[in-house]
Structures are given as structure tokens and as C-alpha cells.
Amino acid sequence: VGADAKREAFAKLEGRWLVVADDIVGDFIVTILQGGACLHEGRYMGEQYDIMYEKSPDGPLLRRNDNWQIDLAHSTKKILTWRYEEDPTVAKVWRRISSWEWVNIDAFEGEWVLWEDGMEDTSEIVVSSDGTVMIDGMHIEDEDLKLELSLDGGDPVVRRGPWEADLSRSTIDVILWTQPDLAETTNVSWRRPPQDPRNLASRHQLKATDMAGGAGGI
């Protein structure tokens, strides 16, 4: 029974997760493999970051050697909530990167907060269901969203002016933007405001801290 429970627990973790960093380090992807080993941007992170399955009087534990533990009570199929064992008030959230099933212009509708190089911008962004973008109450036509679908089965593309949504690294509540024509671009993302019910982290009333630094690192 114990072996089956362990396999089942790791099976739920397997896949690609978006780690949102609130500083200039930038957002990145962690892939959890079968058995709990983790890849950072495709490279093995090391044994200290492997996820281990342990038993306790309160139930199973999923933790790492760097003192971070998954808060199973506040985790779902779409988010992983991590808490620092030496200070459980410190939490960070990983968001699952799923298929393209959520990608349509309707998914972008609503309010967004602009982040640049780890800093929150004061601009108010509102997207209509047809992709029209209002910034601080003004319609900026060049910022309107356009969805391009491939006829040969390729990945969809969402554009706004010179910017393209990096859908391979985005989730339903965090959109990462790139400029494919430039070798280096500013780290820009749109994030749902905390009060938005589509903000997966705030839905559980969590405070996501720096995902790439601070106590315990990634």
C-alpha cells in the first residue's frame, strides 16, 4: 500500500511547472520527473532539490532537503504550494503548465497587472472578450490581442504589437511576453490581480514570496 501511495503522489506531481519570480531573476520552468527528480530549464537541479516522500503521524509528506515542503492542503492539480519548514508563513506557488486548451482570446478577458523586470507597474490593463486592450482607460490599438491559429496543427500564437505571448511558459493567470525578433528582451509579464478569482494563488489566500531567492532558493 505504501509503495502504491508513493507512486500515486509522484504521478500527480509529474510535469512542467511555472515558477514566478518577483525579482529580476525572471520566471522559469521546473519539470518534475517520475520519482521526484527535478529539472530547472531542462537541467537536473541536484539531489538537494529532489522531492522525497515520507510518512508522518499526520499523513504523507512531500519535501526537499533544502527545508521546503509541499502544503498538500493548499495544493491542487494546477498549483503546488510550498512552505518553508523553518517559517511556515513563507509560501511560494508553482503553477502547472498544461496544454493549449485554455488558449483563446476569451481567456485573456479582464484586469491584469503589468510586471517589468520584477517590478509591478502602476498601469491599469483591461482586456475585452474580443481582445481589445485598454491601458489606464485609453484604447491602445497597437496593444490589442490577436490570436493566430496554425492550419497545419502547429501551436497557437497570441500577439500584441511586437510582443508575443510565450505560451509554453504561461498559465491562465500569468502571461509571459517576449519579442521574438530581439536577442534580449525585458522580462515582462501580465498577472491577474490578487482579488481576481482566476488568480490561482490568491484563491487560497497565499502570499507568494520570491520564487528564485530568499529562504531556500527555488
C-alpha atoms as a PDB file:
ATOM      1  CA  VAL A   1       0.000   0.000   0.000  1.00  0.00           C
ATOM      2  CA  GLY A   2       2.838   2.378   0.886  1.00  0.00           C
ATOM      3  CA  ALA A   3       4.546   1.904  -2.486  1.00  0.00           C
ATOM      4  CA  ASP A   4       1.266   2.492  -4.324  1.00  0.00           C
ATOM      5  CA  ALA A   5       0.609   5.681  -2.358  1.00  0.00           C
ATOM      6  CA  LYS A   6       4.111   6.939  -3.155  1.00  0.00           C
ATOM      7  CA  ARG A   7       3.733   6.241  -6.881  1.00  0.00           C
ATOM      8  CA  GLU A   8       0.329   7.925  -6.907  1.00  0.00           C
ATOM      9  CA  ALA A   9       1.689  11.001  -5.124  1.00  0.00           C
ATOM     10  CA  PHE A  10       4.586  11.417  -7.556  1.00  0.00           C
ATOM     11  CA  ALA A  11       2.331  10.787 -10.561  1.00  0.00           C
ATOM     12  CA  LYS A  12       0.252  13.827  -9.551  1.00  0.00           C
ATOM     13  CA  LEU A  13       3.398  15.981  -9.431  1.00  0.00           C
ATOM     14  CA  GLU A  14       4.901  14.952 -12.768  1.00  0.00           C
ATOM     15  CA  GLY A  15       5.002  17.624 -15.449  1.00  0.00           C
ATOM     16  CA  ARG A  16       6.104  21.180 -16.125  1.00  0.00           C
ATOM     17  CA  TRP A  17       5.568  23.958 -13.599  1.00  0.00           C
ATOM     18  CA  LEU A  18       5.946  27.721 -13.952  1.00  0.00           C
ATOM     19  CA  VAL A  19       7.912  29.340 -11.126  1.00  0.00           C
ATOM     20  CA  VAL A  20       7.059  33.044 -10.974  1.00  0.00           C
ATOM     21  CA  ALA A  21       9.953  35.119  -9.640  1.00  0.00           C
ATOM     22  CA  ASP A  22       9.174  38.539  -8.216  1.00  0.00           C
ATOM     23  CA  ASP A  23      12.605  39.949  -8.967  1.00  0.00           C
ATOM     24  CA  ILE A  24      14.978  40.462 -11.897  1.00  0.00           C
ATOM     25  CA  VAL A  25      15.968  36.788 -11.948  1.00  0.00           C
ATOM     26  CA  GLY A  26      12.917  36.173 -14.109  1.00  0.00           C
ATOM     27  CA  ASP A  27      10.338  33.425 -14.384  1.00  0.00           C
ATOM     28  CA  PHE A  28      11.476  29.908 -15.183  1.00  0.00           C
ATOM     29  CA  ILE A  29      10.246  26.333 -15.616  1.00  0.00           C
ATOM     30  CA  VAL A  30      10.801  23.344 -13.344  1.00  0.00           C
ATOM     31  CA  THR A  31       9.974  19.862 -14.631  1.00  0.00           C
ATOM     32  CA  ILE A  32       9.160  17.201 -12.047  1.00  0.00           C
ATOM     33  CA  LEU A  33      10.077  13.716 -13.253  1.00  0.00           C
ATOM     34  CA  GLN A  34       8.800  10.326 -12.177  1.00  0.00           C
ATOM     35  CA  GLY A  35      10.204   9.625  -8.716  1.00  0.00           C
ATOM     36  CA  GLY A  36      10.599  13.297  -7.752  1.00  0.00           C
ATOM     37  CA  ALA A  37      13.774  14.398  -9.539  1.00  0.00           C
ATOM     38  CA  CYS A  38      13.546  17.998 -10.809  1.00  0.00           C
ATOM     39  CA  LEU A  39      14.888  19.766 -13.874  1.00  0.00           C
ATOM     40  CA  HIS A  40      15.495  23.522 -13.970  1.00  0.00           C
ATOM     41  CA  GLU A  41      15.068  24.710 -17.564  1.00  0.00           C
ATOM     42  CA  GLY A  42      15.849  21.158 -18.694  1.00  0.00           C
ATOM     43  CA  ARG A  43      18.890  20.574 -16.461  1.00  0.00           C
ATOM     44  CA  TYR A  44      18.973  18.365 -13.376  1.00  0.00           C
ATOM     45  CA  MET A  45      18.857  20.562 -10.284  1.00  0.00           C
ATOM     46  CA  GLY A  46      20.685  18.225  -7.930  1.00  0.00           C
ATOM     47  CA  GLU A  47      19.770  15.887  -5.084  1.00  0.00           C
ATOM     48  CA  GLN A  48      19.036  18.742  -2.663  1.00  0.00           C
ATOM     49  CA  TYR A  49      16.050  19.685  -4.868  1.00  0.00           C
ATOM     50  CA  ASP A  50      14.681  16.151  -5.341  1.00  0.00           C
ATOM     51  CA  ILE A  51      11.196  15.722  -3.896  1.00  0.00           C
ATOM     52  CA  MET A  52      11.050  12.984  -1.272  1.00  0.00           C
ATOM     53  CA  TYR A  53       8.056  11.034   0.014  1.00  0.00           C
ATOM     54  CA  GLU A  54       7.998  10.494   3.766  1.00  0.00           C
ATOM     55  CA  LYS A  55       5.464   9.169   6.252  1.00  0.00           C
ATOM     56  CA  SER A  56       4.439  11.047   9.378  1.00  0.00           C
ATOM     57  CA  PRO A  57       1.755  10.677  12.089  1.00  0.00           C
ATOM     58  CA  ASP A  58      -0.241  13.372  10.277  1.00  0.00           C
ATOM     59  CA  GLY A  59      -0.012  11.682   6.896  1.00  0.00           C
ATOM     60  CA  PRO A  60       2.385  11.666   3.933  1.00  0.00           C
ATOM     61  CA  LEU A  61       4.959  14.420   3.463  1.00  0.00           C
ATOM     62  CA  LEU A  62       6.431  15.635   0.177  1.00  0.00           C
ATOM     63  CA  ARG A  63       9.551  17.648   0.910  1.00  0.00           C
ATOM     64  CA  ARG A  64      13.068  18.556  -0.212  1.00  0.00           C
ATOM     65  CA  ASN A  65      16.396  18.570   1.614  1.00  0.00           C
ATOM     66  CA  ASP A  66      16.518  22.380   1.494  1.00  0.00           C
ATOM     67  CA  ASN A  67      13.681  22.582   4.082  1.00  0.00           C
ATOM     68  CA  TRP A  68      10.826  23.254   1.661  1.00  0.00           C
ATOM     69  CA  GLN A  69       7.678  21.142   1.932  1.00  0.00           C
ATOM     70  CA  ILE A  70       4.571  20.901  -0.259  1.00  0.00           C
ATOM     71  CA  ASP A  71       1.463  22.095   1.579  1.00  0.00           C
ATOM     72  CA  LEU A  72      -0.884  19.374   0.360  1.00  0.00           C
ATOM     73  CA  ALA A  73      -3.924  21.043   1.921  1.00  0.00           C
ATOM     74  CA  HIS A  74      -3.411  24.128  -0.257  1.00  0.00           C
ATOM     75  CA  SER A  75      -2.233  22.396  -3.434  1.00  0.00           C
ATOM     76  CA  THR A  76      -4.310  21.287  -6.417  1.00  0.00           C
ATOM     77  CA  LYS A  77      -3.763  19.757  -9.835  1.00  0.00           C
ATOM     78  CA  LYS A  78      -2.953  23.265 -11.103  1.00  0.00           C
ATOM     79  CA  ILE A  79      -0.868  24.745  -8.287  1.00  0.00           C
ATOM     80  CA  LEU A  80       1.797  23.465  -5.918  1.00  0.00           C
ATOM     81  CA  THR A  81       2.086  25.391  -2.684  1.00  0.00           C
ATOM     82  CA  TRP A  82       5.472  25.230  -0.958  1.00  0.00           C
ATOM     83  CA  ARG A  83       6.121  26.262   2.636  1.00  0.00           C
ATOM     84  CA  TYR A  84       9.454  26.833   4.331  1.00  0.00           C
ATOM     85  CA  GLU A  85       9.681  24.405   7.252  1.00  0.00           C
ATOM     86  CA  GLU A  86      11.557  26.853   9.492  1.00  0.00           C
ATOM     87  CA  ASP A  87       8.916  29.544   8.866  1.00  0.00           C
ATOM     88  CA  PRO A  88       5.583  28.128   7.550  1.00  0.00           C
ATOM     89  CA  THR A  89       4.269  31.669   6.945  1.00  0.00           C
ATOM     90  CA  VAL A  90       6.669  31.856   3.992  1.00  0.00           C
ATOM     91  CA  ALA A  91       4.937  30.343   0.971  1.00  0.00           C
ATOM     92  CA  LYS A  92       5.596  30.102  -2.743  1.00  0.00           C
ATOM     93  CA  VAL A  93       3.435  28.808  -5.550  1.00  0.00           C
ATOM     94  CA  TRP A  94       4.260  26.831  -8.679  1.00  0.00           C
ATOM     95  CA  ARG A  95       1.666  26.851 -11.471  1.00  0.00           C
ATOM     96  CA  ARG A  96       1.214  23.873 -13.756  1.00  0.00           C
ATOM     97  CA  ILE A  97       1.832  24.476 -17.450  1.00  0.00           C
ATOM     98  CA  SER A  98      -0.853  22.496 -19.215  1.00  0.00           C
ATOM     99  CA  SER A  99      -1.870  22.066 -22.835  1.00  0.00           C
ATOM    100  CA  TRP A 100      -3.194  24.815 -25.090  1.00  0.00           C
ATOM    101  CA  GLU A 101      -6.805  24.045 -24.174  1.00  0.00           C
ATOM    102  CA  TRP A 102      -7.165  27.358 -22.318  1.00  0.00           C
ATOM    103  CA  VAL A 103      -5.721  29.486 -25.140  1.00  0.00           C
ATOM    104  CA  ASN A 104      -8.359  31.700 -26.684  1.00  0.00           C
ATOM    105  CA  ILE A 105      -8.920  35.438 -26.568  1.00  0.00           C
ATOM    106  CA  ASP A 106     -11.722  34.997 -24.016  1.00  0.00           C
ATOM    107  CA  ALA A 107      -9.162  33.604 -21.576  1.00  0.00           C
ATOM    108  CA  PHE A 108      -7.402  36.993 -21.524  1.00  0.00           C
ATOM    109  CA  GLU A 109     -10.557  38.952 -20.674  1.00  0.00           C
ATOM    110  CA  GLY A 110     -10.476  41.038 -17.507  1.00  0.00           C
ATOM    111  CA  GLU A 111      -7.961  43.014 -15.459  1.00  0.00           C
ATOM    112  CA  TRP A 112      -4.211  42.458 -15.492  1.00  0.00           C
ATOM    113  CA  VAL A 113      -1.235  43.838 -13.612  1.00  0.00           C
ATOM    114  CA  LEU A 114       1.917  44.606 -15.626  1.00  0.00           C
ATOM    115  CA  TRP A 115       5.273  43.462 -14.245  1.00  0.00           C
ATOM    116  CA  GLU A 116       8.599  44.553 -15.758  1.00  0.00           C
ATOM    117  CA  ASP A 117      11.932  43.191 -14.579  1.00  0.00           C
ATOM    118  CA  GLY A 118      10.371  42.069 -11.321  1.00  0.00           C
ATOM    119  CA  MET A 119       8.690  45.400 -10.579  1.00  0.00           C
ATOM    120  CA  GLU A 120       4.941  45.960 -10.541  1.00  0.00           C
ATOM    121  CA  ASP A 121       3.797  48.744 -12.880  1.00  0.00           C
ATOM    122  CA  THR A 122       1.005  51.153 -11.968  1.00  0.00           C
ATOM    123  CA  SER A 123      -0.701  50.894 -15.368  1.00  0.00           C
ATOM    124  CA  GLU A 124      -4.258  49.522 -15.347  1.00  0.00           C
ATOM    125  CA  ILE A 125      -4.749  46.942 -18.108  1.00  0.00           C
ATOM    126  CA  VAL A 126      -8.216  45.732 -19.055  1.00  0.00           C
ATOM    127  CA  VAL A 127      -8.809  43.245 -21.886  1.00  0.00           C
ATOM    128  CA  SER A 128     -12.229  42.809 -23.512  1.00  0.00           C
ATOM    129  CA  SER A 129     -13.544  39.457 -24.726  1.00  0.00           C
ATOM    130  CA  ASP A 130     -12.625  40.397 -28.314  1.00  0.00           C
ATOM    131  CA  GLY A 131      -9.018  41.196 -27.393  1.00  0.00           C
ATOM    132  CA  THR A 132      -9.368  44.984 -27.199  1.00  0.00           C
ATOM    133  CA  VAL A 133      -6.849  46.383 -24.717  1.00  0.00           C
ATOM    134  CA  MET A 134      -7.443  49.444 -22.547  1.00  0.00           C
ATOM    135  CA  ILE A 135      -4.480  50.923 -20.685  1.00  0.00           C
ATOM    136  CA  ASP A 136      -5.335  53.477 -17.997  1.00  0.00           C
ATOM    137  CA  GLY A 137      -8.753  53.890 -19.602  1.00  0.00           C
ATOM    138  CA  MET A 138      -7.421  54.511 -23.119  1.00  0.00           C
ATOM    139  CA  HIS A 139      -7.744  52.159 -26.087  1.00  0.00           C
ATOM    140  CA  ILE A 140      -4.280  51.388 -27.466  1.00  0.00           C
ATOM    141  CA  GLU A 141      -4.957  49.718 -30.811  1.00  0.00           C
ATOM    142  CA  ASP A 142      -1.373  48.501 -31.207  1.00  0.00           C
ATOM    143  CA  GLU A 143      -1.767  46.610 -27.921  1.00  0.00           C
ATOM    144  CA  ASP A 144      -4.907  44.710 -28.999  1.00  0.00           C
ATOM    145  CA  LEU A 145      -4.536  40.932 -28.763  1.00  0.00           C
ATOM    146  CA  LYS A 146      -4.605  38.807 -31.897  1.00  0.00           C
ATOM    147  CA  LEU A 147      -4.873  35.012 -31.897  1.00  0.00           C
ATOM    148  CA  GLU A 148      -3.229  33.184 -34.798  1.00  0.00           C
ATOM    149  CA  LEU A 149      -4.093  29.529 -35.306  1.00  0.00           C
ATOM    150  CA  SER A 150      -1.996  27.235 -37.463  1.00  0.00           C
ATOM    151  CA  LEU A 151      -3.716  25.285 -40.210  1.00  0.00           C
ATOM    152  CA  ASP A 152      -1.117  22.535 -40.054  1.00  0.00           C
ATOM    153  CA  GLY A 153      -1.643  21.743 -36.385  1.00  0.00           C
ATOM    154  CA  GLY A 154       1.133  23.963 -35.042  1.00  0.00           C
ATOM    155  CA  ASP A 155       0.981  25.850 -31.763  1.00  0.00           C
ATOM    156  CA  PRO A 156      -1.341  28.864 -31.484  1.00  0.00           C
ATOM    157  CA  VAL A 157       0.210  32.336 -31.241  1.00  0.00           C
ATOM    158  CA  VAL A 158      -1.110  35.346 -29.328  1.00  0.00           C
ATOM    159  CA  ARG A 159       0.379  38.705 -30.326  1.00  0.00           C
ATOM    160  CA  ARG A 160       0.113  42.339 -29.266  1.00  0.00           C
ATOM    161  CA  GLY A 161       2.189  44.642 -31.428  1.00  0.00           C
ATOM    162  CA  PRO A 162       5.810  43.370 -31.417  1.00  0.00           C
ATOM    163  CA  TRP A 163       5.128  41.201 -28.384  1.00  0.00           C
ATOM    164  CA  GLU A 164       4.235  37.507 -28.443  1.00  0.00           C
ATOM    165  CA  ALA A 165       2.852  35.516 -25.528  1.00  0.00           C
ATOM    166  CA  ASP A 166       5.263  32.758 -24.533  1.00  0.00           C
ATOM    167  CA  LEU A 167       2.511  30.169 -24.174  1.00  0.00           C
ATOM    168  CA  SER A 168       4.935  27.355 -23.389  1.00  0.00           C
ATOM    169  CA  ARG A 169       5.780  29.166 -20.139  1.00  0.00           C
ATOM    170  CA  SER A 170       2.437  30.842 -19.383  1.00  0.00           C
ATOM    171  CA  THR A 171      -0.589  29.843 -17.348  1.00  0.00           C
ATOM    172  CA  ILE A 172      -4.164  31.040 -17.175  1.00  0.00           C
ATOM    173  CA  ASP A 173      -3.270  33.720 -14.613  1.00  0.00           C
ATOM    174  CA  VAL A 174       0.319  34.620 -15.578  1.00  0.00           C
ATOM    175  CA  ILE A 175       1.172  35.557 -19.189  1.00  0.00           C
ATOM    176  CA  LEU A 176       4.845  35.930 -20.122  1.00  0.00           C
ATOM    177  CA  TRP A 177       5.634  38.192 -23.081  1.00  0.00           C
ATOM    178  CA  THR A 178       8.637  38.087 -25.412  1.00  0.00           C
ATOM    179  CA  GLN A 179       9.827  39.896 -28.525  1.00  0.00           C
ATOM    180  CA  PRO A 180      10.964  37.091 -30.859  1.00  0.00           C
ATOM    181  CA  ASP A 181      12.842  39.479 -33.151  1.00  0.00           C
ATOM    182  CA  LEU A 182      15.164  40.641 -30.346  1.00  0.00           C
ATOM    183  CA  ALA A 183      18.029  38.617 -28.911  1.00  0.00           C
ATOM    184  CA  GLU A 184      17.358  40.013 -25.422  1.00  0.00           C
ATOM    185  CA  THR A 185      14.099  41.477 -24.163  1.00  0.00           C
ATOM    186  CA  THR A 186      12.779  42.957 -20.954  1.00  0.00           C
ATOM    187  CA  ASN A 187      11.262  40.452 -18.544  1.00  0.00           C
ATOM    188  CA  VAL A 188       7.579  41.368 -18.981  1.00  0.00           C
ATOM    189  CA  SER A 189       4.538  39.552 -17.652  1.00  0.00           C
ATOM    190  CA  TRP A 190       0.845  40.142 -17.085  1.00  0.00           C
ATOM    191  CA  ARG A 191      -0.561  38.779 -13.850  1.00  0.00           C
ATOM    192  CA  ARG A 192      -4.092  38.598 -12.557  1.00  0.00           C
ATOM    193  CA  PRO A 193      -4.632  40.996  -9.620  1.00  0.00           C
ATOM    194  CA  PRO A 194      -4.840  39.282  -6.208  1.00  0.00           C
ATOM    195  CA  GLN A 195      -8.584  39.895  -5.887  1.00  0.00           C
ATOM    196  CA  ASP A 196      -9.344  38.204  -9.219  1.00  0.00           C
ATOM    197  CA  PRO A 197     -10.878  34.719  -8.690  1.00  0.00           C
ATOM    198  CA  ARG A 198      -8.786  33.468 -11.626  1.00  0.00           C
ATOM    199  CA  ASN A 199      -5.634  34.203  -9.630  1.00  0.00           C
ATOM    200  CA  LEU A 200      -4.877  30.642  -8.523  1.00  0.00           C
ATOM    201  CA  ALA A 201      -2.601  31.668  -5.673  1.00  0.00           C
ATOM    202  CA  SER A 202      -4.925  34.227  -4.112  1.00  0.00           C
ATOM    203  CA  ARG A 203      -7.783  31.758  -4.326  1.00  0.00           C
ATOM    204  CA  HIS A 204      -6.092  30.001  -1.411  1.00  0.00           C
ATOM    205  CA  GLN A 205      -5.205  33.307   0.294  1.00  0.00           C
ATOM    206  CA  LEU A 206      -1.494  32.696  -0.017  1.00  0.00           C
ATOM    207  CA  LYS A 207       1.362  35.149  -0.134  1.00  0.00           C
ATOM    208  CA  ALA A 208       3.783  34.001  -2.835  1.00  0.00           C
ATOM    209  CA  THR A 209       7.305  35.131  -1.955  1.00  0.00           C
ATOM    210  CA  ASP A 210      10.344  35.418  -4.166  1.00  0.00           C
ATOM    211  CA  MET A 211      10.480  32.114  -6.027  1.00  0.00           C
ATOM    212  CA  ALA A 212      14.127  32.365  -7.017  1.00  0.00           C
ATOM    213  CA  GLY A 213      15.741  33.765  -3.913  1.00  0.00           C
ATOM    214  CA  GLY A 214      15.306  34.318  -0.224  1.00  0.00           C
ATOM    215  CA  ALA A 215      14.980  31.466   2.216  1.00  0.00           C
ATOM    216  CA  GLY A 216      15.685  28.207   0.478  1.00  0.00           C
ATOM    217  CA  GLY A 217      16.029  29.428  -3.094  1.00  0.00           C
ATOM    218  CA  ILE A 218      13.906  27.853  -5.821  1.00  0.00           C
END
